[in-house]
PDB file of N, CA and C in Angstrom:
ATOM      1  N   MET A   1      -1.919  17.008 -39.714  1.00  0.00           N
ATOM      2  CA  MET A   1      -0.711  16.232 -39.535  1.00  0.00           C
ATOM      3  C   MET A   1       0.441  17.193 -39.249  1.00  0.00           C
ATOM      4  N   GLN A   2       1.231  16.823 -38.284  1.00  0.00           N
ATOM      5  CA  GLN A   2       2.398  17.616 -37.908  1.00  0.00           C
ATOM      6  C   GLN A   2       3.630  17.021 -38.582  1.00  0.00           C
ATOM      7  N   ILE A   3       4.336  17.837 -39.365  1.00  0.00           N
ATOM      8  CA  ILE A   3       5.513  17.364 -40.093  1.00  0.00           C
ATOM      9  C   ILE A   3       6.754  18.047 -39.520  1.00  0.00           C
ATOM     10  N   THR A   4       7.727  17.239 -39.098  1.00  0.00           N
ATOM     11  CA  THR A   4       8.994  17.739 -38.583  1.00  0.00           C
ATOM     12  C   THR A   4      10.092  17.303 -39.546  1.00  0.00           C
ATOM     13  N   THR A   5      10.923  18.254 -39.963  1.00  0.00           N
ATOM     14  CA  THR A   5      11.988  17.959 -40.920  1.00  0.00           C
ATOM     15  C   THR A   5      13.342  18.224 -40.273  1.00  0.00           C
ATOM     16  N   ALA A   6      14.270  17.288 -40.452  1.00  0.00           N
ATOM     17  CA  ALA A   6      15.620  17.437 -39.920  1.00  0.00           C
ATOM     18  C   ALA A   6      16.615  17.059 -41.005  1.00  0.00           C
ATOM     19  N   GLY A   7      17.845  17.570 -40.879  1.00  0.00           N
ATOM     20  CA  GLY A   7      18.892  17.273 -41.848  1.00  0.00           C
ATOM     21  C   GLY A   7      20.080  16.600 -41.193  1.00  0.00           C
ATOM     22  N   LYS A   8      20.652  15.618 -41.877  1.00  0.00           N
ATOM     23  CA  LYS A   8      21.863  14.940 -41.401  1.00  0.00           C
ATOM     24  C   LYS A   8      22.931  15.101 -42.468  1.00  0.00           C
ATOM     25  N   GLN A   9      24.055  15.670 -42.092  1.00  0.00           N
ATOM     26  CA  GLN A   9      25.169  15.926 -43.012  1.00  0.00           C
ATOM     27  C   GLN A   9      24.702  16.737 -44.226  1.00  0.00           C
ATOM     28  N   LEU A  10      23.732  17.601 -43.991  1.00  0.00           N
ATOM     29  CA  LEU A  10      23.126  18.360 -45.081  1.00  0.00           C
ATOM     30  C   LEU A  10      22.520  19.626 -44.492  1.00  0.00           C
ATOM     31  N   ALA A  11      22.793  20.752 -45.129  1.00  0.00           N
ATOM     32  CA  ALA A  11      22.189  22.004 -44.693  1.00  0.00           C
ATOM     33  C   ALA A  11      20.775  22.090 -45.254  1.00  0.00           C
ATOM     34  N   LEU A  12      19.806  22.170 -44.356  1.00  0.00           N
ATOM     35  CA  LEU A  12      18.403  22.206 -44.753  1.00  0.00           C
ATOM     36  C   LEU A  12      18.021  23.620 -45.173  1.00  0.00           C
ATOM     37  N   THR A  13      17.376  23.734 -46.314  1.00  0.00           N
ATOM     38  CA  THR A  13      16.925  25.046 -46.784  1.00  0.00           C
ATOM     39  C   THR A  13      15.416  25.145 -46.631  1.00  0.00           C
ATOM     40  N   GLU A  14      14.924  26.355 -46.723  1.00  0.00           N
ATOM     41  CA  GLU A  14      13.484  26.600 -46.638  1.00  0.00           C
ATOM     42  C   GLU A  14      12.749  25.917 -47.791  1.00  0.00           C
ATOM     43  N   ALA A  15      13.367  25.903 -48.969  1.00  0.00           N
ATOM     44  CA  ALA A  15      12.750  25.266 -50.136  1.00  0.00           C
ATOM     45  C   ALA A  15      12.585  23.764 -49.914  1.00  0.00           C
ATOM     46  N   MET A  16      13.573  23.121 -49.283  1.00  0.00           N
ATOM     47  CA  MET A  16      13.473  21.687 -48.999  1.00  0.00           C
ATOM     48  C   MET A  16      12.331  21.408 -48.028  1.00  0.00           C
ATOM     49  N   GLU A  17      12.232  22.219 -46.983  1.00  0.00           N
ATOM     50  CA  GLU A  17      11.175  22.038 -45.993  1.00  0.00           C
ATOM     51  C   GLU A  17       9.798  22.224 -46.619  1.00  0.00           C
ATOM     52  N   GLN A  18       9.667  23.229 -47.470  1.00  0.00           N
ATOM     53  CA  GLN A  18       8.383  23.467 -48.141  1.00  0.00           C
ATOM     54  C   GLN A  18       8.042  22.323 -49.088  1.00  0.00           C
ATOM     55  N   TYR A  19       9.040  21.770 -49.772  1.00  0.00           N
ATOM     56  CA  TYR A  19       8.816  20.657 -50.700  1.00  0.00           C
ATOM     57  C   TYR A  19       8.348  19.419 -49.941  1.00  0.00           C
ATOM     58  N   VAL A  20       8.983  19.140 -48.796  1.00  0.00           N
ATOM     59  CA  VAL A  20       8.578  18.005 -47.965  1.00  0.00           C
ATOM     60  C   VAL A  20       7.148  18.214 -47.478  1.00  0.00           C
ATOM     61  N   GLU A  21       6.854  19.414 -47.017  1.00  0.00           N
ATOM     62  CA  GLU A  21       5.505  19.737 -46.525  1.00  0.00           C
ATOM     63  C   GLU A  21       4.463  19.542 -47.621  1.00  0.00           C
ATOM     64  N   LYS A  22       4.770  20.007 -48.819  1.00  0.00           N
ATOM     65  CA  LYS A  22       3.845  19.896 -49.953  1.00  0.00           C
ATOM     66  C   LYS A  22       3.599  18.442 -50.328  1.00  0.00           C
ATOM     67  N   LYS A  23       4.672  17.656 -50.397  1.00  0.00           N
ATOM     68  CA  LYS A  23       4.548  16.261 -50.822  1.00  0.00           C
ATOM     69  C   LYS A  23       3.840  15.399 -49.770  1.00  0.00           C
ATOM     70  N   LEU A  24       4.186  15.567 -48.507  1.00  0.00           N
ATOM     71  CA  LEU A  24       3.630  14.699 -47.481  1.00  0.00           C
ATOM     72  C   LEU A  24       2.225  15.110 -47.048  1.00  0.00           C
ATOM     73  N   SER A  25       1.866  16.360 -47.240  1.00  0.00           N
ATOM     74  CA  SER A  25       0.509  16.771 -46.868  1.00  0.00           C
ATOM     75  C   SER A  25      -0.532  16.133 -47.784  1.00  0.00           C
ATOM     76  N   ASN A  26      -0.128  15.736 -48.991  1.00  0.00           N
ATOM     77  CA  ASN A  26      -1.051  15.059 -49.905  1.00  0.00           C
ATOM     78  C   ASN A  26      -1.370  13.640 -49.458  1.00  0.00           C
ATOM     79  N   LEU A  27      -0.601  13.084 -48.532  1.00  0.00           N
ATOM     80  CA  LEU A  27      -0.840  11.712 -48.077  1.00  0.00           C
ATOM     81  C   LEU A  27      -2.103  11.596 -47.229  1.00  0.00           C
ATOM     82  N   GLU A  28      -2.598  12.719 -46.724  1.00  0.00           N
ATOM     83  CA  GLU A  28      -3.789  12.674 -45.883  1.00  0.00           C
ATOM     84  C   GLU A  28      -5.035  12.269 -46.661  1.00  0.00           C
ATOM     85  N   LYS A  29      -5.002  12.362 -47.974  1.00  0.00           N
ATOM     86  CA  LYS A  29      -6.169  11.934 -48.735  1.00  0.00           C
ATOM     87  C   LYS A  29      -6.269  10.408 -48.795  1.00  0.00           C
ATOM     88  N   PHE A  30      -5.183   9.698 -48.499  1.00  0.00           N
ATOM     89  CA  PHE A  30      -5.210   8.243 -48.474  1.00  0.00           C
ATOM     90  C   PHE A  30      -5.578   7.698 -47.098  1.00  0.00           C
ATOM     91  N   PHE A  31      -5.166   8.400 -46.053  1.00  0.00           N
ATOM     92  CA  PHE A  31      -5.466   7.968 -44.684  1.00  0.00           C
ATOM     93  C   PHE A  31      -5.489   9.222 -43.823  1.00  0.00           C
ATOM     94  N   ASP A  32      -6.645   9.567 -43.305  1.00  0.00           N
ATOM     95  CA  ASP A  32      -6.768  10.838 -42.594  1.00  0.00           C
ATOM     96  C   ASP A  32      -6.455  10.751 -41.107  1.00  0.00           C
ATOM     97  N   GLY A  33      -5.965   9.614 -40.615  1.00  0.00           N
ATOM     98  CA  GLY A  33      -5.627   9.485 -39.211  1.00  0.00           C
ATOM     99  C   GLY A  33      -4.154   9.673 -38.908  1.00  0.00           C
ATOM    100  N   ILE A  34      -3.395  10.263 -39.825  1.00  0.00           N
ATOM    101  CA  ILE A  34      -1.957  10.462 -39.602  1.00  0.00           C
ATOM    102  C   ILE A  34      -1.770  11.532 -38.540  1.00  0.00           C
ATOM    103  N   GLN A  35      -1.023  11.180 -37.492  1.00  0.00           N
ATOM    104  CA  GLN A  35      -0.825  12.129 -36.405  1.00  0.00           C
ATOM    105  C   GLN A  35       0.398  13.012 -36.627  1.00  0.00           C
ATOM    106  N   LYS A  36       1.538  12.387 -36.913  1.00  0.00           N
ATOM    107  CA  LYS A  36       2.736  13.181 -37.176  1.00  0.00           C
ATOM    108  C   LYS A  36       3.699  12.407 -38.049  1.00  0.00           C
ATOM    109  N   ALA A  37       4.584  13.143 -38.688  1.00  0.00           N
ATOM    110  CA  ALA A  37       5.612  12.553 -39.548  1.00  0.00           C
ATOM    111  C   ALA A  37       6.944  13.231 -39.237  1.00  0.00           C
ATOM    112  N   VAL A  38       7.962  12.425 -39.007  1.00  0.00           N
ATOM    113  CA  VAL A  38       9.312  12.934 -38.757  1.00  0.00           C
ATOM    114  C   VAL A  38      10.155  12.557 -39.965  1.00  0.00           C
ATOM    115  N   VAL A  39      10.592  13.563 -40.712  1.00  0.00           N
ATOM    116  CA  VAL A  39      11.339  13.350 -41.952  1.00  0.00           C
ATOM    117  C   VAL A  39      12.793  13.726 -41.713  1.00  0.00           C
ATOM    118  N   THR A  40      13.706  12.841 -42.138  1.00  0.00           N
ATOM    119  CA  THR A  40      15.136  13.110 -42.046  1.00  0.00           C
ATOM    120  C   THR A  40      15.711  13.095 -43.458  1.00  0.00           C
ATOM    121  N   LEU A  41      16.336  14.187 -43.835  1.00  0.00           N
ATOM    122  CA  LEU A  41      16.999  14.302 -45.140  1.00  0.00           C
ATOM    123  C   LEU A  41      18.496  14.281 -44.902  1.00  0.00           C
ATOM    124  N   GLY A  42      19.219  13.580 -45.760  1.00  0.00           N
ATOM    125  CA  GLY A  42      20.659  13.515 -45.551  1.00  0.00           C
ATOM    126  C   GLY A  42      21.411  13.054 -46.780  1.00  0.00           C
ATOM    127  N   MET A  43      22.720  12.907 -46.582  1.00  0.00           N
ATOM    128  CA  MET A  43      23.599  12.487 -47.652  1.00  0.00           C
ATOM    129  C   MET A  43      24.421  11.304 -47.151  1.00  0.00           C
ATOM    130  N   GLU A  44      24.372  10.187 -47.888  1.00  0.00           N
ATOM    131  CA  GLU A  44      25.165   9.018 -47.526  1.00  0.00           C
ATOM    132  C   GLU A  44      26.588   9.230 -48.009  1.00  0.00           C
ATOM    133  N   THR A  45      27.558   8.844 -47.182  1.00  0.00           N
ATOM    134  CA  THR A  45      28.951   9.115 -47.518  1.00  0.00           C
ATOM    135  C   THR A  45      29.721   7.885 -47.971  1.00  0.00           C
ATOM    136  N   HIS A  46      29.129   6.695 -47.895  1.00  0.00           N
ATOM    137  CA  HIS A  46      29.884   5.504 -48.253  1.00  0.00           C
ATOM    138  C   HIS A  46      29.764   5.134 -49.736  1.00  0.00           C
ATOM    139  N   HIS A  47      29.230   5.995 -50.568  1.00  0.00           N
ATOM    140  CA  HIS A  47      29.116   5.759 -52.009  1.00  0.00           C
ATOM    141  C   HIS A  47      30.081   6.687 -52.754  1.00  0.00           C
ATOM    142  N   HIS A  48      31.351   6.576 -52.478  1.00  0.00           N
ATOM    143  CA  HIS A  48      32.299   7.530 -53.042  1.00  0.00           C
ATOM    144  C   HIS A  48      32.438   7.427 -54.551  1.00  0.00           C
ATOM    145  N   GLN A  49      32.265   6.256 -55.111  1.00  0.00           N
ATOM    146  CA  GLN A  49      32.460   6.127 -56.543  1.00  0.00           C
ATOM    147  C   GLN A  49      31.229   6.507 -57.351  1.00  0.00           C
ATOM    148  N   LYS A  50      30.093   6.616 -56.727  1.00  0.00           N
ATOM    149  CA  LYS A  50      28.868   6.972 -57.429  1.00  0.00           C
ATOM    150  C   LYS A  50      28.546   8.456 -57.300  1.00  0.00           C
ATOM    151  N   GLY A  51      29.289   9.195 -56.570  1.00  0.00           N
ATOM    152  CA  GLY A  51      28.982  10.604 -56.348  1.00  0.00           C
ATOM    153  C   GLY A  51      28.143  10.750 -55.091  1.00  0.00           C
ATOM    154  N   GLU A  52      27.557  11.906 -54.935  1.00  0.00           N
ATOM    155  CA  GLU A  52      26.763  12.159 -53.742  1.00  0.00           C
ATOM    156  C   GLU A  52      25.397  11.491 -53.870  1.00  0.00           C
ATOM    157  N   ILE A  53      25.073  10.673 -52.924  1.00  0.00           N
ATOM    158  CA  ILE A  53      23.791   9.990 -52.890  1.00  0.00           C
ATOM    159  C   ILE A  53      22.996  10.569 -51.721  1.00  0.00           C
ATOM    160  N   PHE A  54      21.831  11.094 -52.034  1.00  0.00           N
ATOM    161  CA  PHE A  54      20.973  11.690 -51.020  1.00  0.00           C
ATOM    162  C   PHE A  54      19.910  10.687 -50.597  1.00  0.00           C
ATOM    163  N   TYR A  55      19.448  10.823 -49.363  1.00  0.00           N
ATOM    164  CA  TYR A  55      18.373   9.955 -48.897  1.00  0.00           C
ATOM    165  C   TYR A  55      17.329  10.767 -48.142  1.00  0.00           C
ATOM    166  N   ALA A  56      16.127  10.214 -48.118  1.00  0.00           N
ATOM    167  CA  ALA A  56      15.028  10.776 -47.344  1.00  0.00           C
ATOM    168  C   ALA A  56      14.363   9.623 -46.617  1.00  0.00           C
ATOM    169  N   GLU A  57      14.164   9.791 -45.320  1.00  0.00           N
ATOM    170  CA  GLU A  57      13.487   8.769 -44.546  1.00  0.00           C
ATOM    171  C   GLU A  57      12.418   9.416 -43.685  1.00  0.00           C
ATOM    172  N   CYS A  58      11.384   8.648 -43.397  1.00  0.00           N
ATOM    173  CA  CYS A  58      10.258   9.198 -42.653  1.00  0.00           C
ATOM    174  C   CYS A  58       9.688   8.148 -41.715  1.00  0.00           C
ATOM    175  N   LYS A  59       9.406   8.569 -40.499  1.00  0.00           N
ATOM    176  CA  LYS A  59       8.689   7.739 -39.534  1.00  0.00           C
ATOM    177  C   LYS A  59       7.340   8.411 -39.318  1.00  0.00           C
ATOM    178  N   MET A  60       6.284   7.689 -39.650  1.00  0.00           N
ATOM    179  CA  MET A  60       4.943   8.252 -39.605  1.00  0.00           C
ATOM    180  C   MET A  60       4.131   7.553 -38.513  1.00  0.00           C
ATOM    181  N   ASP A  61       3.519   8.344 -37.636  1.00  0.00           N
ATOM    182  CA  ASP A  61       2.690   7.798 -36.563  1.00  0.00           C
ATOM    183  C   ASP A  61       1.233   7.798 -36.993  1.00  0.00           C
ATOM    184  N   VAL A  62       0.654   6.617 -37.041  1.00  0.00           N
ATOM    185  CA  VAL A  62      -0.774   6.457 -37.308  1.00  0.00           C
ATOM    186  C   VAL A  62      -1.352   5.664 -36.141  1.00  0.00           C
ATOM    187  N   PRO A  63      -2.648   5.754 -35.893  1.00  0.00           N
ATOM    188  CA  PRO A  63      -3.221   5.013 -34.768  1.00  0.00           C
ATOM    189  C   PRO A  63      -3.003   3.498 -34.913  1.00  0.00           C
ATOM    190  N   GLY A  64      -2.326   2.935 -33.943  1.00  0.00           N
ATOM    191  CA  GLY A  64      -2.112   1.497 -33.935  1.00  0.00           C
ATOM    192  C   GLY A  64      -0.816   1.024 -34.560  1.00  0.00           C
ATOM    193  N   ALA A  65      -0.065   1.899 -35.215  1.00  0.00           N
ATOM    194  CA  ALA A  65       1.167   1.459 -35.872  1.00  0.00           C
ATOM    195  C   ALA A  65       2.079   2.647 -36.158  1.00  0.00           C
ATOM    196  N   ASP A  66       3.339   2.327 -36.432  1.00  0.00           N
ATOM    197  CA  ASP A  66       4.306   3.302 -36.927  1.00  0.00           C
ATOM    198  C   ASP A  66       4.764   2.822 -38.294  1.00  0.00           C
ATOM    199  N   LEU A  67       4.678   3.683 -39.284  1.00  0.00           N
ATOM    200  CA  LEU A  67       5.099   3.330 -40.635  1.00  0.00           C
ATOM    201  C   LEU A  67       6.438   3.995 -40.912  1.00  0.00           C
ATOM    202  N   PHE A  68       7.317   3.293 -41.616  1.00  0.00           N
ATOM    203  CA  PHE A  68       8.656   3.805 -41.883  1.00  0.00           C
ATOM    204  C   PHE A  68       9.002   3.594 -43.347  1.00  0.00           C
ATOM    205  N   GLY A  69       9.672   4.582 -43.918  1.00  0.00           N
ATOM    206  CA  GLY A  69      10.130   4.458 -45.297  1.00  0.00           C
ATOM    207  C   GLY A  69      11.452   5.178 -45.472  1.00  0.00           C
ATOM    208  N   LYS A  70      12.310   4.632 -46.348  1.00  0.00           N
ATOM    209  CA  LYS A  70      13.590   5.262 -46.655  1.00  0.00           C
ATOM    210  C   LYS A  70      13.889   5.032 -48.119  1.00  0.00           C
ATOM    211  N   LYS A  71      14.232   6.105 -48.829  1.00  0.00           N
ATOM    212  CA  LYS A  71      14.554   6.034 -50.249  1.00  0.00           C
ATOM    213  C   LYS A  71      15.768   6.911 -50.541  1.00  0.00           C
ATOM    214  N   THR A  72      16.517   6.530 -51.576  1.00  0.00           N
ATOM    215  CA  THR A  72      17.680   7.299 -51.995  1.00  0.00           C
ATOM    216  C   THR A  72      17.465   7.819 -53.409  1.00  0.00           C
ATOM    217  N   GLY A  73      18.253   8.830 -53.776  1.00  0.00           N
ATOM    218  CA  GLY A  73      18.166   9.394 -55.110  1.00  0.00           C
ATOM    219  C   GLY A  73      19.413  10.194 -55.448  1.00  0.00           C
ATOM    220  N   LYS A  74      19.515  10.578 -56.706  1.00  0.00           N
ATOM    221  CA  LYS A  74      20.669  11.366 -57.165  1.00  0.00           C
ATOM    222  C   LYS A  74      20.649  12.782 -56.604  1.00  0.00           C
ATOM    223  N   ASP A  75      19.438  13.315 -56.387  1.00  0.00           N
ATOM    224  CA  ASP A  75      19.326  14.606 -55.709  1.00  0.00           C
ATOM    225  C   ASP A  75      18.262  14.473 -54.619  1.00  0.00           C
ATOM    226  N   ILE A  76      18.210  15.434 -53.747  1.00  0.00           N
ATOM    227  CA  ILE A  76      17.339  15.335 -52.577  1.00  0.00           C
ATOM    228  C   ILE A  76      15.866  15.353 -52.959  1.00  0.00           C
ATOM    229  N   TYR A  77      15.529  16.069 -54.021  1.00  0.00           N
ATOM    230  CA  TYR A  77      14.121  16.175 -54.421  1.00  0.00           C
ATOM    231  C   TYR A  77      13.607  14.856 -55.002  1.00  0.00           C
ATOM    232  N   SER A  78      14.438  14.148 -55.746  1.00  0.00           N
ATOM    233  CA  SER A  78      14.007  12.844 -56.259  1.00  0.00           C
ATOM    234  C   SER A  78      13.877  11.839 -55.114  1.00  0.00           C
ATOM    235  N   ALA A  79      14.737  11.937 -54.111  1.00  0.00           N
ATOM    236  CA  ALA A  79      14.625  11.058 -52.945  1.00  0.00           C
ATOM    237  C   ALA A  79      13.315  11.310 -52.208  1.00  0.00           C
ATOM    238  N   ILE A  80      12.911  12.572 -52.104  1.00  0.00           N
ATOM    239  CA  ILE A  80      11.644  12.913 -51.449  1.00  0.00           C
ATOM    240  C   ILE A  80      10.467  12.370 -52.260  1.00  0.00           C
ATOM    241  N   ASP A  81      10.542  12.479 -53.581  1.00  0.00           N
ATOM    242  CA  ASP A  81       9.476  11.948 -54.439  1.00  0.00           C
ATOM    243  C   ASP A  81       9.339  10.434 -54.274  1.00  0.00           C
ATOM    244  N   PHE A  82      10.473   9.718 -54.273  1.00  0.00           N
ATOM    245  CA  PHE A  82      10.445   8.268 -54.099  1.00  0.00           C
ATOM    246  C   PHE A  82       9.888   7.892 -52.720  1.00  0.00           C
ATOM    247  N   LEU A  83      10.253   8.691 -51.707  1.00  0.00           N
ATOM    248  CA  LEU A  83       9.769   8.445 -50.352  1.00  0.00           C
ATOM    249  C   LEU A  83       8.257   8.619 -50.279  1.00  0.00           C
ATOM    250  N   ARG A  84       7.743   9.633 -50.927  1.00  0.00           N
ATOM    251  CA  ARG A  84       6.303   9.875 -50.920  1.00  0.00           C
ATOM    252  C   ARG A  84       5.555   8.696 -51.543  1.00  0.00           C
ATOM    253  N   ASP A  85       6.086   8.159 -52.646  1.00  0.00           N
ATOM    254  CA  ASP A  85       5.460   7.007 -53.302  1.00  0.00           C
ATOM    255  C   ASP A  85       5.467   5.784 -52.385  1.00  0.00           C
ATOM    256  N   GLU A  86       6.579   5.572 -51.679  1.00  0.00           N
ATOM    257  CA  GLU A  86       6.663   4.437 -50.771  1.00  0.00           C
ATOM    258  C   GLU A  86       5.702   4.584 -49.600  1.00  0.00           C
ATOM    259  N   LEU A  87       5.599   5.799 -49.042  1.00  0.00           N
ATOM    260  CA  LEU A  87       4.685   6.022 -47.927  1.00  0.00           C
ATOM    261  C   LEU A  87       3.234   5.872 -48.361  1.00  0.00           C
ATOM    262  N   GLU A  88       2.929   6.273 -49.582  1.00  0.00           N
ATOM    263  CA  GLU A  88       1.578   6.083 -50.113  1.00  0.00           C
ATOM    264  C   GLU A  88       1.229   4.593 -50.155  1.00  0.00           C
ATOM    265  N   ALA A  89       2.160   3.784 -50.632  1.00  0.00           N
ATOM    266  CA  ALA A  89       1.935   2.335 -50.682  1.00  0.00           C
ATOM    267  C   ALA A  89       1.792   1.747 -49.279  1.00  0.00           C
ATOM    268  N   GLU A  90       2.611   2.217 -48.342  1.00  0.00           N
ATOM    269  CA  GLU A  90       2.521   1.739 -46.961  1.00  0.00           C
ATOM    270  C   GLU A  90       1.166   2.089 -46.344  1.00  0.00           C
ATOM    271  N   LEU A  91       0.696   3.317 -46.592  1.00  0.00           N
ATOM    272  CA  LEU A  91      -0.600   3.727 -46.051  1.00  0.00           C
ATOM    273  C   LEU A  91      -1.740   2.918 -46.649  1.00  0.00           C
ATOM    274  N   LYS A  92      -1.687   2.666 -47.949  1.00  0.00           N
ATOM    275  CA  LYS A  92      -2.733   1.868 -48.593  1.00  0.00           C
ATOM    276  C   LYS A  92      -2.737   0.446 -48.044  1.00  0.00           C
ATOM    277  N   LYS A  93      -1.541  -0.106 -47.841  1.00  0.00           N
ATOM    278  CA  LYS A  93      -1.425  -1.462 -47.303  1.00  0.00           C
ATOM    279  C   LYS A  93      -1.958  -1.524 -45.871  1.00  0.00           C
ATOM    280  N   TYR A  94      -1.640  -0.510 -45.070  1.00  0.00           N
ATOM    281  CA  TYR A  94      -2.114  -0.462 -43.685  1.00  0.00           C
ATOM    282  C   TYR A  94      -3.632  -0.298 -43.639  1.00  0.00           C
ATOM    283  N   LYS A  95      -4.152   0.548 -44.505  1.00  0.00           N
ATOM    284  CA  LYS A  95      -5.597   0.772 -44.557  1.00  0.00           C
ATOM    285  C   LYS A  95      -6.317  -0.507 -44.974  1.00  0.00           C
ATOM    286  N   GLN A  96      -5.759  -1.229 -45.936  1.00  0.00           N
ATOM    287  CA  GLN A  96      -6.336  -2.499 -46.366  1.00  0.00           C
ATOM    288  C   GLN A  96      -6.284  -3.525 -45.237  1.00  0.00           C
ATOM    289  N   LYS A  97      -5.212  -3.501 -44.471  1.00  0.00           N
ATOM    290  CA  LYS A  97      -5.089  -4.413 -43.340  1.00  0.00           C
ATOM    291  C   LYS A  97      -6.173  -4.127 -42.309  1.00  0.00           C
ATOM    292  N   LEU A  98      -6.439  -2.843 -42.056  1.00  0.00           N
ATOM    293  CA  LEU A  98      -7.492  -2.484 -41.115  1.00  0.00           C
ATOM    294  C   LEU A  98      -8.859  -2.913 -41.632  1.00  0.00           C
ATOM    295  N   ARG A  99      -9.105  -2.732 -42.908  1.00  0.00           N
ATOM    296  CA  ARG A  99     -10.382  -3.102 -43.498  1.00  0.00           C
ATOM    297  C   ARG A  99     -10.506  -4.610 -43.681  1.00  0.00           C
ATOM    298  N   GLY A 100      -9.380  -5.289 -43.817  1.00  0.00           N
ATOM    299  CA  GLY A 100      -9.389  -6.720 -44.078  1.00  0.00           C
ATOM    300  C   GLY A 100     -10.085  -7.512 -42.997  1.00  0.00           C
ATOM    301  N   ASN A 101      -9.872  -7.149 -41.746  1.00  0.00           N
ATOM    302  CA  ASN A 101     -10.512  -7.868 -40.643  1.00  0.00           C
ATOM    303  C   ASN A 101     -12.022  -7.685 -40.690  1.00  0.00           C
ATOM    304  N   GLU A 102     -12.453  -6.478 -41.018  1.00  0.00           N
ATOM    305  CA  GLU A 102     -13.882  -6.192 -41.114  1.00  0.00           C
ATOM    306  C   GLU A 102     -14.504  -6.969 -42.265  1.00  0.00           C
ATOM    307  N   LYS A 103     -13.819  -6.977 -43.380  1.00  0.00           N
ATOM    308  CA  LYS A 103     -14.323  -7.671 -44.558  1.00  0.00           C
ATOM    309  C   LYS A 103     -14.361  -9.181 -44.318  1.00  0.00           C
ATOM    310  N   LYS A 104     -13.354  -9.695 -43.647  1.00  0.00           N
ATOM    311  CA  LYS A 104     -13.275 -11.123 -43.375  1.00  0.00           C
ATOM    312  C   LYS A 104     -14.428 -11.560 -42.478  1.00  0.00           C
ATOM    313  N   SER A 105     -14.750 -10.775 -41.470  1.00  0.00           N
ATOM    314  CA  SER A 105     -15.834 -11.139 -40.567  1.00  0.00           C
ATOM    315  C   SER A 105     -17.181 -11.117 -41.292  1.00  0.00           C
ATOM    316  N   LYS A 106     -17.347 -10.219 -42.251  1.00  0.00           N
ATOM    317  CA  LYS A 106     -18.596 -10.170 -43.014  1.00  0.00           C
ATOM    318  C   LYS A 106     -18.752 -11.413 -43.885  1.00  0.00           C
ATOM    319  N   THR A 107     -17.667 -11.846 -44.510  1.00  0.00           N
ATOM    320  CA  THR A 107     -17.766 -13.033 -45.366  1.00  0.00           C
ATOM    321  C   THR A 107     -17.985 -14.291 -44.531  1.00  0.00           C
ATOM    322  N   ILE A 108     -17.429 -14.340 -43.334  1.00  0.00           N
ATOM    323  CA  ILE A 108     -17.663 -15.487 -42.456  1.00  0.00           C
ATOM    324  C   ILE A 108     -19.127 -15.504 -42.026  1.00  0.00           C
ATOM    325  N   ALA A 109     -19.668 -14.333 -41.706  1.00  0.00           N
ATOM    326  CA  ALA A 109     -21.068 -14.251 -41.300  1.00  0.00           C
ATOM    327  C   ALA A 109     -21.985 -14.677 -42.442  1.00  0.00           C
ATOM    328  N   ARG A 110     -21.653 -14.297 -43.657  1.00  0.00           N
ATOM    329  CA  ARG A 110     -22.449 -14.707 -44.798  1.00  0.00           C
ATOM    330  C   ARG A 110     -22.365 -16.211 -45.019  1.00  0.00           C
ATOM    331  N   GLY A 111     -21.200 -16.769 -44.801  1.00  0.00           N
ATOM    332  CA  GLY A 111     -21.007 -18.199 -44.990  1.00  0.00           C
ATOM    333  C   GLY A 111     -21.754 -19.035 -43.959  1.00  0.00           C
ATOM    334  N   ASN A 112     -22.006 -18.460 -42.789  1.00  0.00           N
ATOM    335  CA  ASN A 112     -22.707 -19.188 -41.740  1.00  0.00           C
ATOM    336  C   ASN A 112     -24.213 -19.233 -41.955  1.00  0.00           C
ATOM    337  N   LYS A 113     -24.733 -18.369 -42.779  1.00  0.00           N
ATOM    338  CA  LYS A 113     -26.176 -18.363 -43.033  1.00  0.00           C
ATOM    339  C   LYS A 113     -26.553 -19.640 -43.767  1.00  0.00           C
ATOM    340  N   GLU A 114     -27.651 -20.150 -43.399  1.00  0.00           N
ATOM    341  CA  GLU A 114     -28.124 -21.352 -44.074  1.00  0.00           C
ATOM    342  C   GLU A 114     -29.080 -20.947 -45.177  1.00  0.00           C
ATOM    343  N   TYR A 115     -28.725 -21.263 -46.358  1.00  0.00           N
ATOM    344  CA  TYR A 115     -29.561 -20.958 -47.506  1.00  0.00           C
ATOM    345  C   TYR A 115     -30.328 -22.215 -47.882  1.00  0.00           C
ATOM    346  N   GLN A 116     -31.603 -22.072 -47.978  1.00  0.00           N
ATOM    347  CA  GLN A 116     -32.450 -23.189 -48.364  1.00  0.00           C
ATOM    348  C   GLN A 116     -32.735 -23.126 -49.844  1.00  0.00           C
ATOM    349  N   PRO A 117     -32.326 -24.126 -50.581  1.00  0.00           N
ATOM    350  CA  PRO A 117     -32.638 -24.105 -52.026  1.00  0.00           C
ATOM    351  C   PRO A 117     -34.136 -24.300 -52.231  1.00  0.00           C
ATOM    352  N   GLU A 118     -34.669 -23.548 -53.162  1.00  0.00           N
ATOM    353  CA  GLU A 118     -36.092 -23.661 -53.435  1.00  0.00           C
ATOM    354  C   GLU A 118     -36.355 -24.907 -54.277  1.00  0.00           C
ATOM    355  N   GLU A 119     -37.388 -25.609 -53.925  1.00  0.00           N
ATOM    356  CA  GLU A 119     -37.711 -26.839 -54.636  1.00  0.00           C
ATOM    357  C   GLU A 119     -38.927 -26.678 -55.502  1.00  0.00           C
TER     358      GLU A 119
END
């Protein structure tokens, strides 16, 4: 999986990039067809009374779909952690959707079989 990291209104450090790489590379164990992920880290400015609110968003390309997630947090690392959890759920849901059609066709095929009760 190719991971691209960008920063908006935030100076990106090497530690942030490595943290994103570490967290998102673990997602391949849930779905191994991930082609690339574009991660944007930034700081929202319209929350003046709450202090600095950081966000992390990711657009992930998988065969047949694009998955997107965005999460906020008090610091950038917690936002990345929340984003990873959301992307994990999205991947599991997408994988289930792919398997669902296969499973549905099997149950329909089983239902069409004529079972003769033994007398």
